Amino acid sequence: MSNDDLHPDRTNHHDLHPYMIECAAEAARVARGVRATQLDDPTHCPDWDVRAMVNHWVLYTSHGLEHRALRKQLSEELTARDFTADPDWAEAYAAQLERAVAAWADPAVWEGEVDLGMAKMPAGEIAPMIIKELAVHGWDVATATGQEYRVSDGAARLVLDVVEKHGALYRQYDGFADPVPVPEDAPVFERALASSGRDPRQQAMSKLDH
């Protein structure tokens, strides 16, 4: 794999949409692996159990992803919904992810701006940030439920680039904790997780606990 493969144009539909497809498919796989008995379990995020984490993940990475493409705001009904109250929430999430990814398949969607409520941002910059959400929160859910979240080198590099570019903004709104030290030769996705304030070693420990 060349360096160009790991550093695509971060606003380019052709380069980024495959990573969106990849991370959405992996998110759906992890969701299907969450057992109902795990929803009340604690997570590595303070004050969040698995249910709260899953609801945040489902809302922003599937409904939010589609709404950004359609230039719509999330409704109060959606933001207040407990998605896990549906026994088939994981299948519903997978179906919503497919709709969301399909909405971003049109190159025209990557043009123009997206209204975030408090500010507007180019769609081509929003898309990588939501791909990051798919991967990072996918890892959060996987870690809390004794699973593994797997990404390609290219997707991992994208996530690392987004985390490093927008880390200060996320920390301003308590979205990231302080960076966690990892070896310089650590895998790219582990470096991305660590830069976002997550300890990639927790996944290994979580798998031992389950």
C-alpha atoms as a PDB file:
ATOM      1  CA  MET A   1       0.000   0.000   0.000  1.00  0.00           C
ATOM      2  CA  SER A   2       1.374   3.381  -0.969  1.00  0.00           C
ATOM      3  CA  ASN A   3       1.395   6.489   1.176  1.00  0.00           C
ATOM      4  CA  ASP A   4      -1.193   7.968  -1.183  1.00  0.00           C
ATOM      5  CA  ASP A   5      -3.552   5.150  -0.213  1.00  0.00           C
ATOM      6  CA  LEU A   6      -3.285   6.215   3.423  1.00  0.00           C
ATOM      7  CA  HIS A   7      -3.630   9.942   2.766  1.00  0.00           C
ATOM      8  CA  PRO A   8      -6.587  10.476   0.424  1.00  0.00           C
ATOM      9  CA  ASP A   9      -8.193  13.836  -0.248  1.00  0.00           C
ATOM     10  CA  ARG A  10     -10.229  14.166   2.941  1.00  0.00           C
ATOM     11  CA  THR A  11     -13.171  15.800   1.188  1.00  0.00           C
ATOM     12  CA  ASN A  12     -13.245  13.526  -1.850  1.00  0.00           C
ATOM     13  CA  HIS A  13     -16.347  11.359  -2.296  1.00  0.00           C
ATOM     14  CA  HIS A  14     -14.518   8.770  -4.388  1.00  0.00           C
ATOM     15  CA  ASP A  15     -11.844   8.191  -1.721  1.00  0.00           C
ATOM     16  CA  LEU A  16     -13.930   8.520   1.438  1.00  0.00           C
ATOM     17  CA  HIS A  17     -17.246   6.840   0.689  1.00  0.00           C
ATOM     18  CA  PRO A  18     -15.645   3.348   0.719  1.00  0.00           C
ATOM     19  CA  TYR A  19     -14.406   4.039   4.262  1.00  0.00           C
ATOM     20  CA  MET A  20     -17.917   5.072   5.249  1.00  0.00           C
ATOM     21  CA  ILE A  21     -19.230   1.785   3.847  1.00  0.00           C
ATOM     22  CA  GLU A  22     -16.507  -0.165   5.643  1.00  0.00           C
ATOM     23  CA  CYS A  23     -16.970   1.455   9.054  1.00  0.00           C
ATOM     24  CA  ALA A  24     -20.758   1.240   8.840  1.00  0.00           C
ATOM     25  CA  ALA A  25     -20.596  -2.475   8.058  1.00  0.00           C
ATOM     26  CA  GLU A  26     -18.264  -3.053  10.995  1.00  0.00           C
ATOM     27  CA  ALA A  27     -20.526  -0.992  13.263  1.00  0.00           C
ATOM     28  CA  ALA A  28     -23.505  -3.123  12.245  1.00  0.00           C
ATOM     29  CA  ARG A  29     -21.535  -6.283  12.976  1.00  0.00           C
ATOM     30  CA  VAL A  30     -20.588  -5.051  16.455  1.00  0.00           C
ATOM     31  CA  ALA A  31     -24.185  -4.001  17.172  1.00  0.00           C
ATOM     32  CA  ARG A  32     -25.398  -7.502  16.385  1.00  0.00           C
ATOM     33  CA  GLY A  33     -22.891  -8.832  18.917  1.00  0.00           C
ATOM     34  CA  VAL A  34     -24.279  -6.801  21.840  1.00  0.00           C
ATOM     35  CA  ARG A  35     -26.312  -9.022  24.143  1.00  0.00           C
ATOM     36  CA  ALA A  36     -29.445  -7.701  25.832  1.00  0.00           C
ATOM     37  CA  THR A  37     -27.949  -8.648  29.188  1.00  0.00           C
ATOM     38  CA  GLN A  38     -25.040  -6.265  28.562  1.00  0.00           C
ATOM     39  CA  LEU A  39     -27.068  -3.082  28.083  1.00  0.00           C
ATOM     40  CA  ASP A  40     -26.931  -2.126  31.755  1.00  0.00           C
ATOM     41  CA  ASP A  41     -23.219  -2.912  32.082  1.00  0.00           C
ATOM     42  CA  PRO A  42     -20.760  -0.083  32.809  1.00  0.00           C
ATOM     43  CA  THR A  43     -18.394   1.231  30.151  1.00  0.00           C
ATOM     44  CA  HIS A  44     -15.021   2.954  30.169  1.00  0.00           C
ATOM     45  CA  CYS A  45     -16.867   6.274  29.649  1.00  0.00           C
ATOM     46  CA  PRO A  46     -17.781   7.801  33.040  1.00  0.00           C
ATOM     47  CA  ASP A  47     -21.527   7.905  33.777  1.00  0.00           C
ATOM     48  CA  TRP A  48     -22.412   5.962  30.613  1.00  0.00           C
ATOM     49  CA  ASP A  49     -23.658   2.408  30.637  1.00  0.00           C
ATOM     50  CA  VAL A  50     -23.790   0.337  27.446  1.00  0.00           C
ATOM     51  CA  ARG A  51     -27.372   1.408  26.777  1.00  0.00           C
ATOM     52  CA  ALA A  52     -26.510   5.123  26.869  1.00  0.00           C
ATOM     53  CA  MET A  53     -23.454   4.557  24.691  1.00  0.00           C
ATOM     54  CA  VAL A  54     -25.418   2.540  22.140  1.00  0.00           C
ATOM     55  CA  ASN A  55     -28.178   5.150  21.979  1.00  0.00           C
ATOM     56  CA  HIS A  56     -25.639   7.912  21.301  1.00  0.00           C
ATOM     57  CA  TRP A  57     -23.914   5.754  18.689  1.00  0.00           C
ATOM     58  CA  VAL A  58     -27.123   4.809  16.884  1.00  0.00           C
ATOM     59  CA  LEU A  59     -28.471   8.370  16.914  1.00  0.00           C
ATOM     60  CA  TYR A  60     -25.472  10.171  15.494  1.00  0.00           C
ATOM     61  CA  THR A  61     -23.851   7.563  13.256  1.00  0.00           C
ATOM     62  CA  SER A  62     -26.983   6.370  11.449  1.00  0.00           C
ATOM     63  CA  HIS A  63     -29.816   8.875  11.805  1.00  0.00           C
ATOM     64  CA  GLY A  64     -27.414  11.783  12.112  1.00  0.00           C
ATOM     65  CA  LEU A  65     -25.411  10.557   9.139  1.00  0.00           C
ATOM     66  CA  GLU A  66     -28.502  10.439   6.932  1.00  0.00           C
ATOM     67  CA  HIS A  67     -29.844  13.750   8.222  1.00  0.00           C
ATOM     68  CA  ARG A  68     -26.554  15.488   7.402  1.00  0.00           C
ATOM     69  CA  ALA A  69     -26.755  14.179   3.845  1.00  0.00           C
ATOM     70  CA  LEU A  70     -30.372  15.341   3.503  1.00  0.00           C
ATOM     71  CA  ARG A  71     -29.565  18.685   5.193  1.00  0.00           C
ATOM     72  CA  LYS A  72     -32.137  18.037   7.920  1.00  0.00           C
ATOM     73  CA  GLN A  73     -31.963  18.560  11.669  1.00  0.00           C
ATOM     74  CA  LEU A  74     -32.523  15.655  14.050  1.00  0.00           C
ATOM     75  CA  SER A  75     -35.993  15.780  15.590  1.00  0.00           C
ATOM     76  CA  GLU A  76     -36.615  15.920  19.324  1.00  0.00           C
ATOM     77  CA  GLU A  77     -38.354  12.557  19.040  1.00  0.00           C
ATOM     78  CA  LEU A  78     -35.209  10.967  17.654  1.00  0.00           C
ATOM     79  CA  THR A  79     -32.834  12.599  20.132  1.00  0.00           C
ATOM     80  CA  ALA A  80     -34.998  11.403  23.052  1.00  0.00           C
ATOM     81  CA  ARG A  81     -35.592   7.876  21.752  1.00  0.00           C
ATOM     82  CA  ASP A  82     -34.282   4.793  23.539  1.00  0.00           C
ATOM     83  CA  PHE A  83     -33.352   2.742  20.513  1.00  0.00           C
ATOM     84  CA  THR A  84     -32.459  -0.246  22.674  1.00  0.00           C
ATOM     85  CA  ALA A  85     -36.094  -0.528  23.823  1.00  0.00           C
ATOM     86  CA  ASP A  86     -36.671  -2.336  20.516  1.00  0.00           C
ATOM     87  CA  PRO A  87     -35.439  -5.946  20.879  1.00  0.00           C
ATOM     88  CA  ASP A  88     -34.392  -5.778  17.219  1.00  0.00           C
ATOM     89  CA  TRP A  89     -32.529  -2.464  17.599  1.00  0.00           C
ATOM     90  CA  ALA A  90     -29.331  -3.871  16.084  1.00  0.00           C
ATOM     91  CA  GLU A  91     -31.100  -4.895  12.871  1.00  0.00           C
ATOM     92  CA  ALA A  92     -32.899  -1.529  12.768  1.00  0.00           C
ATOM     93  CA  TYR A  93     -29.524   0.183  13.207  1.00  0.00           C
ATOM     94  CA  ALA A  94     -28.001  -1.850  10.374  1.00  0.00           C
ATOM     95  CA  ALA A  95     -30.898  -0.926   8.083  1.00  0.00           C
ATOM     96  CA  GLN A  96     -30.638   2.761   9.014  1.00  0.00           C
ATOM     97  CA  LEU A  97     -26.897   2.675   8.392  1.00  0.00           C
ATOM     98  CA  GLU A  98     -27.546   1.323   4.897  1.00  0.00           C
ATOM     99  CA  ARG A  99     -29.949   4.191   4.196  1.00  0.00           C
ATOM    100  CA  ALA A 100     -27.477   6.730   5.537  1.00  0.00           C
ATOM    101  CA  VAL A 101     -24.538   5.402   3.551  1.00  0.00           C
ATOM    102  CA  ALA A 102     -26.716   5.276   0.433  1.00  0.00           C
ATOM    103  CA  ALA A 103     -27.633   8.935   0.966  1.00  0.00           C
ATOM    104  CA  TRP A 104     -23.933   9.832   0.813  1.00  0.00           C
ATOM    105  CA  ALA A 105     -23.384   7.791  -2.362  1.00  0.00           C
ATOM    106  CA  ASP A 106     -24.362  10.813  -4.479  1.00  0.00           C
ATOM    107  CA  PRO A 107     -21.232  12.950  -5.077  1.00  0.00           C
ATOM    108  CA  ALA A 108     -23.441  16.056  -5.050  1.00  0.00           C
ATOM    109  CA  VAL A 109     -24.156  15.486  -1.344  1.00  0.00           C
ATOM    110  CA  TRP A 110     -20.475  16.138  -0.635  1.00  0.00           C
ATOM    111  CA  GLU A 111     -20.775  19.642  -2.069  1.00  0.00           C
ATOM    112  CA  GLY A 112     -22.003  22.707  -0.228  1.00  0.00           C
ATOM    113  CA  GLU A 113     -22.443  23.130   3.509  1.00  0.00           C
ATOM    114  CA  VAL A 114     -24.245  21.339   6.323  1.00  0.00           C
ATOM    115  CA  ASP A 115     -26.100  23.370   8.957  1.00  0.00           C
ATOM    116  CA  LEU A 116     -25.099  21.989  12.362  1.00  0.00           C
ATOM    117  CA  GLY A 117     -27.424  24.310  14.233  1.00  0.00           C
ATOM    118  CA  MET A 118     -24.784  26.499  15.841  1.00  0.00           C
ATOM    119  CA  ALA A 119     -22.595  26.708  12.745  1.00  0.00           C
ATOM    120  CA  LYS A 120     -22.215  25.534   9.164  1.00  0.00           C
ATOM    121  CA  MET A 121     -19.449  23.297   7.863  1.00  0.00           C
ATOM    122  CA  PRO A 122     -18.562  21.987   4.398  1.00  0.00           C
ATOM    123  CA  ALA A 123     -20.165  18.603   3.801  1.00  0.00           C
ATOM    124  CA  GLY A 124     -16.809  17.218   2.707  1.00  0.00           C
ATOM    125  CA  GLU A 125     -15.442  17.959   6.190  1.00  0.00           C
ATOM    126  CA  ILE A 126     -18.490  16.646   8.048  1.00  0.00           C
ATOM    127  CA  ALA A 127     -18.347  13.233   6.358  1.00  0.00           C
ATOM    128  CA  PRO A 128     -14.881  12.285   7.694  1.00  0.00           C
ATOM    129  CA  MET A 129     -15.914  13.390  11.177  1.00  0.00           C
ATOM    130  CA  ILE A 130     -18.921  11.071  11.135  1.00  0.00           C
ATOM    131  CA  ILE A 131     -16.785   8.224   9.805  1.00  0.00           C
ATOM    132  CA  LYS A 132     -14.585   8.883  12.830  1.00  0.00           C
ATOM    133  CA  GLU A 133     -17.699   8.646  15.026  1.00  0.00           C
ATOM    134  CA  LEU A 134     -18.596   5.303  13.482  1.00  0.00           C
ATOM    135  CA  ALA A 135     -15.150   3.901  14.193  1.00  0.00           C
ATOM    136  CA  VAL A 136     -14.387   5.430  17.584  1.00  0.00           C
ATOM    137  CA  HIS A 137     -17.827   4.844  19.112  1.00  0.00           C
ATOM    138  CA  GLY A 138     -17.893   1.460  17.414  1.00  0.00           C
ATOM    139  CA  TRP A 139     -14.716   0.690  19.321  1.00  0.00           C
ATOM    140  CA  ASP A 140     -16.324   2.039  22.507  1.00  0.00           C
ATOM    141  CA  VAL A 141     -19.285  -0.331  22.176  1.00  0.00           C
ATOM    142  CA  ALA A 142     -17.105  -3.241  21.114  1.00  0.00           C
ATOM    143  CA  THR A 143     -14.772  -2.720  24.065  1.00  0.00           C
ATOM    144  CA  ALA A 144     -17.646  -2.483  26.544  1.00  0.00           C
ATOM    145  CA  THR A 145     -19.150  -5.735  25.262  1.00  0.00           C
ATOM    146  CA  GLY A 146     -16.033  -7.864  24.840  1.00  0.00           C
ATOM    147  CA  GLN A 147     -15.746  -7.510  21.074  1.00  0.00           C
ATOM    148  CA  GLU A 148     -13.192  -6.150  18.629  1.00  0.00           C
ATOM    149  CA  TYR A 149     -13.690  -3.291  16.176  1.00  0.00           C
ATOM    150  CA  ARG A 150     -11.586  -3.819  13.052  1.00  0.00           C
ATOM    151  CA  VAL A 151     -10.658  -1.245  10.430  1.00  0.00           C
ATOM    152  CA  SER A 152      -8.401  -1.179   7.392  1.00  0.00           C
ATOM    153  CA  ASP A 153      -5.172   0.808   7.421  1.00  0.00           C
ATOM    154  CA  GLY A 154      -6.738   3.445   5.203  1.00  0.00           C
ATOM    155  CA  ALA A 155      -9.775   3.913   7.438  1.00  0.00           C
ATOM    156  CA  ALA A 156      -7.553   3.985  10.512  1.00  0.00           C
ATOM    157  CA  ARG A 157      -5.391   6.690   8.938  1.00  0.00           C
ATOM    158  CA  LEU A 158      -8.501   8.729   8.164  1.00  0.00           C
ATOM    159  CA  VAL A 159      -9.681   8.439  11.780  1.00  0.00           C
ATOM    160  CA  LEU A 160      -6.244   9.460  13.063  1.00  0.00           C
ATOM    161  CA  ASP A 161      -6.171  12.487  10.774  1.00  0.00           C
ATOM    162  CA  VAL A 162      -9.647  13.617  11.934  1.00  0.00           C
ATOM    163  CA  VAL A 163      -8.797  13.101  15.601  1.00  0.00           C
ATOM    164  CA  GLU A 164      -5.556  15.075  15.294  1.00  0.00           C
ATOM    165  CA  LYS A 165      -7.148  17.862  13.246  1.00  0.00           C
ATOM    166  CA  HIS A 166     -10.220  18.364  15.440  1.00  0.00           C
ATOM    167  CA  GLY A 167      -8.980  17.104  18.816  1.00  0.00           C
ATOM    168  CA  ALA A 168      -8.995  20.538  20.460  1.00  0.00           C
ATOM    169  CA  LEU A 169     -12.587  21.132  19.373  1.00  0.00           C
ATOM    170  CA  TYR A 170     -13.762  17.786  20.717  1.00  0.00           C
ATOM    171  CA  ARG A 171     -12.028  18.414  24.037  1.00  0.00           C
ATOM    172  CA  GLN A 172     -13.657  21.832  24.271  1.00  0.00           C
ATOM    173  CA  TYR A 173     -17.032  20.071  24.358  1.00  0.00           C
ATOM    174  CA  ASP A 174     -15.842  17.137  26.513  1.00  0.00           C
ATOM    175  CA  GLY A 175     -15.965  14.758  23.572  1.00  0.00           C
ATOM    176  CA  PHE A 176     -12.359  13.624  24.103  1.00  0.00           C
ATOM    177  CA  ALA A 177     -10.287  13.073  27.210  1.00  0.00           C
ATOM    178  CA  ASP A 178      -6.575  13.918  27.317  1.00  0.00           C
ATOM    179  CA  PRO A 179      -4.405  11.855  24.956  1.00  0.00           C
ATOM    180  CA  VAL A 180      -3.168   8.501  26.222  1.00  0.00           C
ATOM    181  CA  PRO A 181       0.516   7.705  25.609  1.00  0.00           C
ATOM    182  CA  VAL A 182       1.229   4.806  23.259  1.00  0.00           C
ATOM    183  CA  PRO A 183       4.424   3.668  21.535  1.00  0.00           C
ATOM    184  CA  GLU A 184       5.321   5.576  18.356  1.00  0.00           C
ATOM    185  CA  ASP A 185       5.201   2.326  16.404  1.00  0.00           C
ATOM    186  CA  ALA A 186       1.717   1.391  17.683  1.00  0.00           C
ATOM    187  CA  PRO A 187      -0.843   0.456  14.990  1.00  0.00           C
ATOM    188  CA  VAL A 188      -2.509   3.463  13.368  1.00  0.00           C
ATOM    189  CA  PHE A 189      -5.954   2.805  14.846  1.00  0.00           C
ATOM    190  CA  GLU A 190      -4.480   2.450  18.333  1.00  0.00           C
ATOM    191  CA  ARG A 191      -2.765   5.804  17.869  1.00  0.00           C
ATOM    192  CA  ALA A 192      -6.067   7.338  16.784  1.00  0.00           C
ATOM    193  CA  LEU A 193      -7.844   5.944  19.838  1.00  0.00           C
ATOM    194  CA  ALA A 194      -5.083   7.139  22.140  1.00  0.00           C
ATOM    195  CA  SER A 195      -5.119  10.605  20.598  1.00  0.00           C
ATOM    196  CA  SER A 196      -8.876  10.747  21.294  1.00  0.00           C
ATOM    197  CA  GLY A 197      -8.261   9.998  24.979  1.00  0.00           C
ATOM    198  CA  ARG A 198      -9.047   6.282  24.818  1.00  0.00           C
ATOM    199  CA  ASP A 199      -6.739   3.552  26.070  1.00  0.00           C
ATOM    200  CA  PRO A 200      -6.489   0.919  23.304  1.00  0.00           C
ATOM    201  CA  ARG A 201      -5.309  -1.607  25.890  1.00  0.00           C
ATOM    202  CA  GLN A 202      -8.833  -1.660  27.349  1.00  0.00           C
ATOM    203  CA  GLN A 203     -10.079  -3.759  24.468  1.00  0.00           C
ATOM    204  CA  ALA A 204      -7.692  -6.569  25.279  1.00  0.00           C
ATOM    205  CA  MET A 205      -8.623  -6.394  28.948  1.00  0.00           C
ATOM    206  CA  SER A 206     -12.337  -6.353  28.102  1.00  0.00           C
ATOM    207  CA  LYS A 207     -12.001  -9.512  26.021  1.00  0.00           C
ATOM    208  CA  LEU A 208     -10.338 -11.229  28.960  1.00  0.00           C
ATOM    209  CA  ASP A 209     -13.251 -10.226  31.192  1.00  0.00           C
ATOM    210  CA  HIS A 210     -15.844 -11.805  28.939  1.00  0.00           C
END
